Amino acid sequence: MRIQVARTGGFAGIERSAGVDTSGRPDARAFESLAERVLAAGHRSRPAGVPDGFSYEITIDGKTVYAADPRLTEEQRELISRVLKEGA
């Protein structure tokens, strides 16, 4: 499974993106389960955010959902953090 996260907004407006391919990872099943829950809870269009908040575009195997601070689910927050931390 290929998971891509793009973050935009914030005070400086700097975009950051990263991706993770779960193939061959020892934690692949956990990543994939989390990603499936994020797809189910995500918005199909960009939700309204708050001034200086972050907006996220999350693409999982070609399916894209959107999220925005401060209304992230715990699953969205966890997946975004893991991908931006571990992704390249």
PDB file of N, CA and C in Angstrom:
ATOM      1  N   MET A   1       0.851  -1.177   0.000  1.00  0.00           N
ATOM      2  CA  MET A   1       0.000   0.000   0.000  1.00  0.00           C
ATOM      3  C   MET A   1       0.894   1.237   0.000  1.00  0.00           C
ATOM      4  N   ARG A   2       0.542   2.189  -0.822  1.00  0.00           N
ATOM      5  CA  ARG A   2       1.287   3.449  -0.901  1.00  0.00           C
ATOM      6  C   ARG A   2       0.460   4.542  -0.225  1.00  0.00           C
ATOM      7  N   ILE A   3       1.054   5.211   0.766  1.00  0.00           N
ATOM      8  CA  ILE A   3       0.384   6.262   1.520  1.00  0.00           C
ATOM      9  C   ILE A   3       1.173   7.548   1.342  1.00  0.00           C
ATOM     10  N   GLN A   4       0.497   8.588   0.891  1.00  0.00           N
ATOM     11  CA  GLN A   4       1.120   9.892   0.644  1.00  0.00           C
ATOM     12  C   GLN A   4       0.366  10.943   1.452  1.00  0.00           C
ATOM     13  N   VAL A   5       1.106  11.814   2.143  1.00  0.00           N
ATOM     14  CA  VAL A   5       0.509  12.896   2.919  1.00  0.00           C
ATOM     15  C   VAL A   5       1.139  14.214   2.490  1.00  0.00           C
ATOM     16  N   ALA A   6       0.301  15.203   2.197  1.00  0.00           N
ATOM     17  CA  ALA A   6       0.768  16.558   1.900  1.00  0.00           C
ATOM     18  C   ALA A   6       0.123  17.498   2.906  1.00  0.00           C
ATOM     19  N   ARG A   7       0.959  18.307   3.557  1.00  0.00           N
ATOM     20  CA  ARG A   7       0.469  19.268   4.543  1.00  0.00           C
ATOM     21  C   ARG A   7       0.716  20.678   4.026  1.00  0.00           C
ATOM     22  N   THR A   8      -0.284  21.515   4.062  1.00  0.00           N
ATOM     23  CA  THR A   8      -0.149  22.912   3.656  1.00  0.00           C
ATOM     24  C   THR A   8      -0.718  23.804   4.751  1.00  0.00           C
ATOM     25  N   GLY A   9      -0.396  25.091   4.657  1.00  0.00           N
ATOM     26  CA  GLY A   9      -0.927  26.056   5.615  1.00  0.00           C
ATOM     27  C   GLY A   9       0.038  26.322   6.737  1.00  0.00           C
ATOM     28  N   GLY A  10      -0.496  26.599   7.883  1.00  0.00           N
ATOM     29  CA  GLY A  10       0.320  26.972   9.028  1.00  0.00           C
ATOM     30  C   GLY A  10       0.724  28.432   8.940  1.00  0.00           C
ATOM     31  N   PHE A  11       1.377  28.917   9.952  1.00  0.00           N
ATOM     32  CA  PHE A  11       1.761  30.318  10.021  1.00  0.00           C
ATOM     33  C   PHE A  11       2.665  30.721   8.857  1.00  0.00           C
ATOM     34  N   ALA A  12       3.628  29.873   8.519  1.00  0.00           N
ATOM     35  CA  ALA A  12       4.576  30.197   7.445  1.00  0.00           C
ATOM     36  C   ALA A  12       4.085  29.768   6.066  1.00  0.00           C
ATOM     37  N   GLY A  13       3.054  28.937   6.005  1.00  0.00           N
ATOM     38  CA  GLY A  13       2.520  28.491   4.728  1.00  0.00           C
ATOM     39  C   GLY A  13       3.442  27.564   3.958  1.00  0.00           C
ATOM     40  N   ILE A  14       4.312  26.871   4.656  1.00  0.00           N
ATOM     41  CA  ILE A  14       5.259  25.964   4.010  1.00  0.00           C
ATOM     42  C   ILE A  14       4.614  24.594   3.808  1.00  0.00           C
ATOM     43  N   GLU A  15       4.724  24.079   2.583  1.00  0.00           N
ATOM     44  CA  GLU A  15       4.175  22.763   2.281  1.00  0.00           C
ATOM     45  C   GLU A  15       5.201  21.692   2.627  1.00  0.00           C
ATOM     46  N   ARG A  16       4.700  20.594   3.137  1.00  0.00           N
ATOM     47  CA  ARG A  16       5.547  19.440   3.442  1.00  0.00           C
ATOM     48  C   ARG A  16       4.812  18.196   2.978  1.00  0.00           C
ATOM     49  N   SER A  17       5.540  17.277   2.367  1.00  0.00           N
ATOM     50  CA  SER A  17       4.904  16.034   1.951  1.00  0.00           C
ATOM     51  C   SER A  17       5.875  14.877   2.134  1.00  0.00           C
ATOM     52  N   ALA A  18       5.292  13.701   2.286  1.00  0.00           N
ATOM     53  CA  ALA A  18       6.079  12.481   2.446  1.00  0.00           C
ATOM     54  C   ALA A  18       5.192  11.305   2.076  1.00  0.00           C
ATOM     55  N   GLY A  19       5.836  10.193   1.798  1.00  0.00           N
ATOM     56  CA  GLY A  19       5.105   8.990   1.462  1.00  0.00           C
ATOM     57  C   GLY A  19       5.746   7.764   2.070  1.00  0.00           C
ATOM     58  N   VAL A  20       4.940   6.740   2.233  1.00  0.00           N
ATOM     59  CA  VAL A  20       5.403   5.469   2.773  1.00  0.00           C
ATOM     60  C   VAL A  20       4.807   4.357   1.925  1.00  0.00           C
ATOM     61  N   ASP A  21       5.642   3.392   1.577  1.00  0.00           N
ATOM     62  CA  ASP A  21       5.179   2.176   0.914  1.00  0.00           C
ATOM     63  C   ASP A  21       5.234   1.081   1.969  1.00  0.00           C
ATOM     64  N   THR A  22       4.102   0.466   2.258  1.00  0.00           N
ATOM     65  CA  THR A  22       4.051  -0.516   3.337  1.00  0.00           C
ATOM     66  C   THR A  22       4.590  -1.892   2.936  1.00  0.00           C
ATOM     67  N   SER A  23       4.856  -2.106   1.664  1.00  0.00           N
ATOM     68  CA  SER A  23       5.338  -3.408   1.190  1.00  0.00           C
ATOM     69  C   SER A  23       6.615  -3.813   1.923  1.00  0.00           C
ATOM     70  N   GLY A  24       6.593  -4.984   2.504  1.00  0.00           N
ATOM     71  CA  GLY A  24       7.775  -5.528   3.158  1.00  0.00           C
ATOM     72  C   GLY A  24       8.062  -4.958   4.534  1.00  0.00           C
ATOM     73  N   ARG A  25       7.254  -4.045   5.018  1.00  0.00           N
ATOM     74  CA  ARG A  25       7.478  -3.475   6.350  1.00  0.00           C
ATOM     75  C   ARG A  25       6.937  -4.437   7.406  1.00  0.00           C
ATOM     76  N   PRO A  26       7.632  -4.567   8.531  1.00  0.00           N
ATOM     77  CA  PRO A  26       7.118  -5.438   9.587  1.00  0.00           C
ATOM     78  C   PRO A  26       5.818  -4.911  10.199  1.00  0.00           C
ATOM     79  N   ASP A  27       5.589  -3.598  10.104  1.00  0.00           N
ATOM     80  CA  ASP A  27       4.375  -2.998  10.656  1.00  0.00           C
ATOM     81  C   ASP A  27       3.345  -2.695   9.566  1.00  0.00           C
ATOM     82  N   ALA A  28       3.441  -3.387   8.423  1.00  0.00           N
ATOM     83  CA  ALA A  28       2.569  -3.116   7.278  1.00  0.00           C
ATOM     84  C   ALA A  28       1.095  -3.252   7.638  1.00  0.00           C
ATOM     85  N   ARG A  29       0.722  -4.295   8.328  1.00  0.00           N
ATOM     86  CA  ARG A  29      -0.695  -4.517   8.635  1.00  0.00           C
ATOM     87  C   ARG A  29      -1.251  -3.399   9.508  1.00  0.00           C
ATOM     88  N   ALA A  30      -0.481  -2.930  10.479  1.00  0.00           N
ATOM     89  CA  ALA A  30      -0.930  -1.836  11.347  1.00  0.00           C
ATOM     90  C   ALA A  30      -1.104  -0.555  10.537  1.00  0.00           C
ATOM     91  N   PHE A  31      -0.137  -0.256   9.660  1.00  0.00           N
ATOM     92  CA  PHE A  31      -0.226   0.918   8.793  1.00  0.00           C
ATOM     93  C   PHE A  31      -1.467   0.827   7.898  1.00  0.00           C
ATOM     94  N   GLU A  32      -1.682  -0.334   7.305  1.00  0.00           N
ATOM     95  CA  GLU A  32      -2.792  -0.514   6.369  1.00  0.00           C
ATOM     96  C   GLU A  32      -4.145  -0.413   7.068  1.00  0.00           C
ATOM     97  N   SER A  33      -4.256  -0.965   8.261  1.00  0.00           N
ATOM     98  CA  SER A  33      -5.490  -0.871   9.035  1.00  0.00           C
ATOM     99  C   SER A  33      -5.790   0.588   9.385  1.00  0.00           C
ATOM    100  N   LEU A  34      -4.773   1.301   9.808  1.00  0.00           N
ATOM    101  CA  LEU A  34      -4.918   2.723  10.129  1.00  0.00           C
ATOM    102  C   LEU A  34      -5.332   3.511   8.885  1.00  0.00           C
ATOM    103  N   ALA A  35      -4.699   3.224   7.767  1.00  0.00           N
ATOM    104  CA  ALA A  35      -5.003   3.919   6.510  1.00  0.00           C
ATOM    105  C   ALA A  35      -6.449   3.665   6.077  1.00  0.00           C
ATOM    106  N   GLU A  36      -6.937   2.456   6.241  1.00  0.00           N
ATOM    107  CA  GLU A  36      -8.320   2.139   5.874  1.00  0.00           C
ATOM    108  C   GLU A  36      -9.310   2.930   6.717  1.00  0.00           C
ATOM    109  N   ARG A  37      -9.028   3.093   8.010  1.00  0.00           N
ATOM    110  CA  ARG A  37      -9.901   3.880   8.886  1.00  0.00           C
ATOM    111  C   ARG A  37      -9.864   5.357   8.502  1.00  0.00           C
ATOM    112  N   VAL A  38      -8.683   5.849   8.097  1.00  0.00           N
ATOM    113  CA  VAL A  38      -8.559   7.251   7.665  1.00  0.00           C
ATOM    114  C   VAL A  38      -9.369   7.483   6.391  1.00  0.00           C
ATOM    115  N   LEU A  39      -9.298   6.554   5.453  1.00  0.00           N
ATOM    116  CA  LEU A  39     -10.100   6.685   4.223  1.00  0.00           C
ATOM    117  C   LEU A  39     -11.590   6.741   4.542  1.00  0.00           C
ATOM    118  N   ALA A  40     -12.027   5.908   5.446  1.00  0.00           N
ATOM    119  CA  ALA A  40     -13.446   5.845   5.786  1.00  0.00           C
ATOM    120  C   ALA A  40     -13.937   7.128   6.453  1.00  0.00           C
ATOM    121  N   ALA A  41     -13.079   7.787   7.227  1.00  0.00           N
ATOM    122  CA  ALA A  41     -13.490   8.977   7.977  1.00  0.00           C
ATOM    123  C   ALA A  41     -13.158  10.291   7.273  1.00  0.00           C
ATOM    124  N   GLY A  42     -12.410  10.234   6.172  1.00  0.00           N
ATOM    125  CA  GLY A  42     -11.949  11.451   5.516  1.00  0.00           C
ATOM    126  C   GLY A  42     -13.005  12.149   4.689  1.00  0.00           C
ATOM    127  N   HIS A  43     -12.764  13.411   4.418  1.00  0.00           N
ATOM    128  CA  HIS A  43     -13.641  14.223   3.568  1.00  0.00           C
ATOM    129  C   HIS A  43     -13.238  14.037   2.107  1.00  0.00           C
ATOM    130  N   ARG A  44     -14.198  14.012   1.232  1.00  0.00           N
ATOM    131  CA  ARG A  44     -13.914  13.869  -0.200  1.00  0.00           C
ATOM    132  C   ARG A  44     -13.566  15.217  -0.837  1.00  0.00           C
ATOM    133  N   SER A  45     -13.859  16.318  -0.130  1.00  0.00           N
ATOM    134  CA  SER A  45     -13.464  17.649  -0.584  1.00  0.00           C
ATOM    135  C   SER A  45     -12.777  18.352   0.584  1.00  0.00           C
ATOM    136  N   ARG A  46     -12.063  19.420   0.283  1.00  0.00           N
ATOM    137  CA  ARG A  46     -11.298  20.116   1.323  1.00  0.00           C
ATOM    138  C   ARG A  46     -12.227  20.768   2.346  1.00  0.00           C
ATOM    139  N   PRO A  47     -12.087  20.391   3.632  1.00  0.00           N
ATOM    140  CA  PRO A  47     -12.915  21.026   4.659  1.00  0.00           C
ATOM    141  C   PRO A  47     -12.361  22.406   5.010  1.00  0.00           C
ATOM    142  N   ALA A  48     -13.219  23.235   5.572  1.00  0.00           N
ATOM    143  CA  ALA A  48     -12.764  24.551   6.027  1.00  0.00           C
ATOM    144  C   ALA A  48     -11.845  24.367   7.219  1.00  0.00           C
ATOM    145  N   GLY A  49     -10.764  25.075   7.209  1.00  0.00           N
ATOM    146  CA  GLY A  49      -9.822  25.019   8.317  1.00  0.00           C
ATOM    147  C   GLY A  49      -9.939  26.265   9.175  1.00  0.00           C
ATOM    148  N   VAL A  50      -8.898  26.563   9.906  1.00  0.00           N
ATOM    149  CA  VAL A  50      -8.829  27.758  10.732  1.00  0.00           C
ATOM    150  C   VAL A  50      -7.620  28.571  10.287  1.00  0.00           C
ATOM    151  N   PRO A  51      -7.616  29.878  10.546  1.00  0.00           N
ATOM    152  CA  PRO A  51      -6.451  30.679  10.169  1.00  0.00           C
ATOM    153  C   PRO A  51      -5.170  30.089  10.769  1.00  0.00           C
ATOM    154  N   ASP A  52      -4.150  30.007   9.965  1.00  0.00           N
ATOM    155  CA  ASP A  52      -2.837  29.485  10.352  1.00  0.00           C
ATOM    156  C   ASP A  52      -2.857  28.010  10.760  1.00  0.00           C
ATOM    157  N   GLY A  53      -3.941  27.301  10.456  1.00  0.00           N
ATOM    158  CA  GLY A  53      -4.003  25.871  10.732  1.00  0.00           C
ATOM    159  C   GLY A  53      -3.493  25.086   9.533  1.00  0.00           C
ATOM    160  N   PHE A  54      -3.220  23.821   9.744  1.00  0.00           N
ATOM    161  CA  PHE A  54      -2.753  22.961   8.668  1.00  0.00           C
ATOM    162  C   PHE A  54      -3.925  22.279   7.971  1.00  0.00           C
ATOM    163  N   SER A  55      -3.774  22.076   6.679  1.00  0.00           N
ATOM    164  CA  SER A  55      -4.700  21.276   5.880  1.00  0.00           C
ATOM    165  C   SER A  55      -3.920  20.101   5.323  1.00  0.00           C
ATOM    166  N   TYR A  56      -4.585  18.969   5.179  1.00  0.00           N
ATOM    167  CA  TYR A  56      -3.917  17.742   4.763  1.00  0.00           C
ATOM    168  C   TYR A  56      -4.628  17.110   3.578  1.00  0.00           C
ATOM    169  N   GLU A  57      -3.823  16.605   2.659  1.00  0.00           N
ATOM    170  CA  GLU A  57      -4.312  15.788   1.557  1.00  0.00           C
ATOM    171  C   GLU A  57      -3.672  14.422   1.754  1.00  0.00           C
ATOM    172  N   ILE A  58      -4.492  13.401   1.931  1.00  0.00           N
ATOM    173  CA  ILE A  58      -4.009  12.057   2.222  1.00  0.00           C
ATOM    174  C   ILE A  58      -4.430  11.151   1.073  1.00  0.00           C
ATOM    175  N   THR A  59      -3.449  10.585   0.390  1.00  0.00           N
ATOM    176  CA  THR A  59      -3.737   9.702  -0.738  1.00  0.00           C
ATOM    177  C   THR A  59      -3.247   8.302  -0.406  1.00  0.00           C
ATOM    178  N   ILE A  60      -4.167   7.354  -0.514  1.00  0.00           N
ATOM    179  CA  ILE A  60      -3.871   5.963  -0.194  1.00  0.00           C
ATOM    180  C   ILE A  60      -4.250   5.118  -1.394  1.00  0.00           C
ATOM    181  N   ASP A  61      -3.245   4.562  -2.045  1.00  0.00           N
ATOM    182  CA  ASP A  61      -3.464   3.754  -3.247  1.00  0.00           C
ATOM    183  C   ASP A  61      -4.389   4.443  -4.251  1.00  0.00           C
ATOM    184  N   GLY A  62      -4.152   5.717  -4.489  1.00  0.00           N
ATOM    185  CA  GLY A  62      -4.893   6.465  -5.494  1.00  0.00           C
ATOM    186  C   GLY A  62      -6.198   7.083  -5.030  1.00  0.00           C
ATOM    187  N   LYS A  63      -6.621   6.821  -3.811  1.00  0.00           N
ATOM    188  CA  LYS A  63      -7.844   7.417  -3.265  1.00  0.00           C
ATOM    189  C   LYS A  63      -7.441   8.548  -2.328  1.00  0.00           C
ATOM    190  N   THR A  64      -8.010   9.739  -2.558  1.00  0.00           N
ATOM    191  CA  THR A  64      -7.617  10.912  -1.791  1.00  0.00           C
ATOM    192  C   THR A  64      -8.746  11.392  -0.897  1.00  0.00           C
ATOM    193  N   VAL A  65      -8.383  11.697   0.351  1.00  0.00           N
ATOM    194  CA  VAL A  65      -9.294  12.327   1.305  1.00  0.00           C
ATOM    195  C   VAL A  65      -8.579  13.538   1.888  1.00  0.00           C
ATOM    196  N   TYR A  66      -9.362  14.415   2.521  1.00  0.00           N
ATOM    197  CA  TYR A  66      -8.825  15.664   3.052  1.00  0.00           C
ATOM    198  C   TYR A  66      -9.187  15.802   4.519  1.00  0.00           C
ATOM    199  N   ALA A  67      -8.353  16.534   5.237  1.00  0.00           N
ATOM    200  CA  ALA A  67      -8.582  16.806   6.653  1.00  0.00           C
ATOM    201  C   ALA A  67      -7.967  18.164   6.971  1.00  0.00           C
ATOM    202  N   ALA A  68      -8.391  18.750   8.084  1.00  0.00           N
ATOM    203  CA  ALA A  68      -7.853  20.049   8.487  1.00  0.00           C
ATOM    204  C   ALA A  68      -7.851  20.176  10.004  1.00  0.00           C
ATOM    205  N   ASP A  69      -6.833  20.874  10.504  1.00  0.00           N
ATOM    206  CA  ASP A  69      -6.793  21.225  11.927  1.00  0.00           C
ATOM    207  C   ASP A  69      -7.923  22.203  12.201  1.00  0.00           C
ATOM    208  N   PRO A  70      -8.513  22.187  13.328  1.00  0.00           N
ATOM    209  CA  PRO A  70      -8.246  21.348  14.495  1.00  0.00           C
ATOM    210  C   PRO A  70      -9.134  20.109  14.566  1.00  0.00           C
ATOM    211  N   ARG A  71      -9.815  19.774  13.489  1.00  0.00           N
ATOM    212  CA  ARG A  71     -10.790  18.684  13.516  1.00  0.00           C
ATOM    213  C   ARG A  71     -10.245  17.385  12.913  1.00  0.00           C
ATOM    214  N   LEU A  72      -9.094  16.956  13.379  1.00  0.00           N
ATOM    215  CA  LEU A  72      -8.546  15.674  12.937  1.00  0.00           C
ATOM    216  C   LEU A  72      -9.038  14.572  13.865  1.00  0.00           C
ATOM    217  N   THR A  73      -9.331  13.414  13.291  1.00  0.00           N
ATOM    218  CA  THR A  73      -9.627  12.257  14.130  1.00  0.00           C
ATOM    219  C   THR A  73      -8.308  11.740  14.689  1.00  0.00           C
ATOM    220  N   GLU A  74      -8.379  10.907  15.709  1.00  0.00           N
ATOM    221  CA  GLU A  74      -7.151  10.323  16.267  1.00  0.00           C
ATOM    222  C   GLU A  74      -6.411   9.501  15.207  1.00  0.00           C
ATOM    223  N   GLU A  75      -7.175   8.783  14.373  1.00  0.00           N
ATOM    224  CA  GLU A  75      -6.561   7.980  13.317  1.00  0.00           C
ATOM    225  C   GLU A  75      -5.850   8.863  12.299  1.00  0.00           C
ATOM    226  N   GLN A  76      -6.494   9.964  11.901  1.00  0.00           N
ATOM    227  CA  GLN A  76      -5.861  10.887  10.954  1.00  0.00           C
ATOM    228  C   GLN A  76      -4.582  11.454  11.550  1.00  0.00           C
ATOM    229  N   ARG A  77      -4.659  11.897  12.786  1.00  0.00           N
ATOM    230  CA  ARG A  77      -3.490  12.483  13.452  1.00  0.00           C
ATOM    231  C   ARG A  77      -2.332  11.476  13.520  1.00  0.00           C
ATOM    232  N   GLU A  78      -2.650  10.245  13.876  1.00  0.00           N
ATOM    233  CA  GLU A  78      -1.605   9.213  13.984  1.00  0.00           C
ATOM    234  C   GLU A  78      -0.980   8.900  12.624  1.00  0.00           C
ATOM    235  N   LEU A  79      -1.812   8.712  11.601  1.00  0.00           N
ATOM    236  CA  LEU A  79      -1.283   8.390  10.273  1.00  0.00           C
ATOM    237  C   LEU A  79      -0.442   9.540   9.725  1.00  0.00           C
ATOM    238  N   ILE A  80      -0.940  10.753   9.838  1.00  0.00           N
ATOM    239  CA  ILE A  80      -0.197  11.929   9.355  1.00  0.00           C
ATOM    240  C   ILE A  80       1.157  12.015  10.054  1.00  0.00           C
ATOM    241  N   SER A  81       1.169  11.872  11.364  1.00  0.00           N
ATOM    242  CA  SER A  81       2.425  11.951  12.116  1.00  0.00           C
ATOM    243  C   SER A  81       3.406  10.872  11.692  1.00  0.00           C
ATOM    244  N   ARG A  82       2.913   9.651  11.545  1.00  0.00           N
ATOM    245  CA  ARG A  82       3.795   8.543  11.178  1.00  0.00           C
ATOM    246  C   ARG A  82       4.369   8.717   9.773  1.00  0.00           C
ATOM    247  N   VAL A  83       3.526   9.116   8.829  1.00  0.00           N
ATOM    248  CA  VAL A  83       4.007   9.254   7.439  1.00  0.00           C
ATOM    249  C   VAL A  83       4.976  10.431   7.322  1.00  0.00           C
ATOM    250  N   LEU A  84       4.634  11.571   7.910  1.00  0.00           N
ATOM    251  CA  LEU A  84       5.533  12.726   7.798  1.00  0.00           C
ATOM    252  C   LEU A  84       6.853  12.487   8.515  1.00  0.00           C
ATOM    253  N   LYS A  85       6.835  11.680   9.578  1.00  0.00           N
ATOM    254  CA  LYS A  85       8.056  11.362  10.318  1.00  0.00           C
ATOM    255  C   LYS A  85       8.917  10.337   9.574  1.00  0.00           C
ATOM    256  N   GLU A  86       8.284   9.285   9.047  1.00  0.00           N
ATOM    257  CA  GLU A  86       9.026   8.171   8.470  1.00  0.00           C
ATOM    258  C   GLU A  86       9.176   8.266   6.969  1.00  0.00           C
ATOM    259  N   GLY A  87       8.325   9.044   6.320  1.00  0.00           N
ATOM    260  CA  GLY A  87       8.327   9.087   4.854  1.00  0.00           C
ATOM    261  C   GLY A  87       9.505   9.824   4.264  1.00  0.00           C
ATOM    262  N   ALA A  88       9.688   9.573   2.985  1.00  0.00           N
ATOM    263  CA  ALA A  88      10.779  10.234   2.267  1.00  0.00           C
ATOM    264  C   ALA A  88      10.239  10.896   1.022  1.00  0.00           C
TER     265      ALA A  88
END
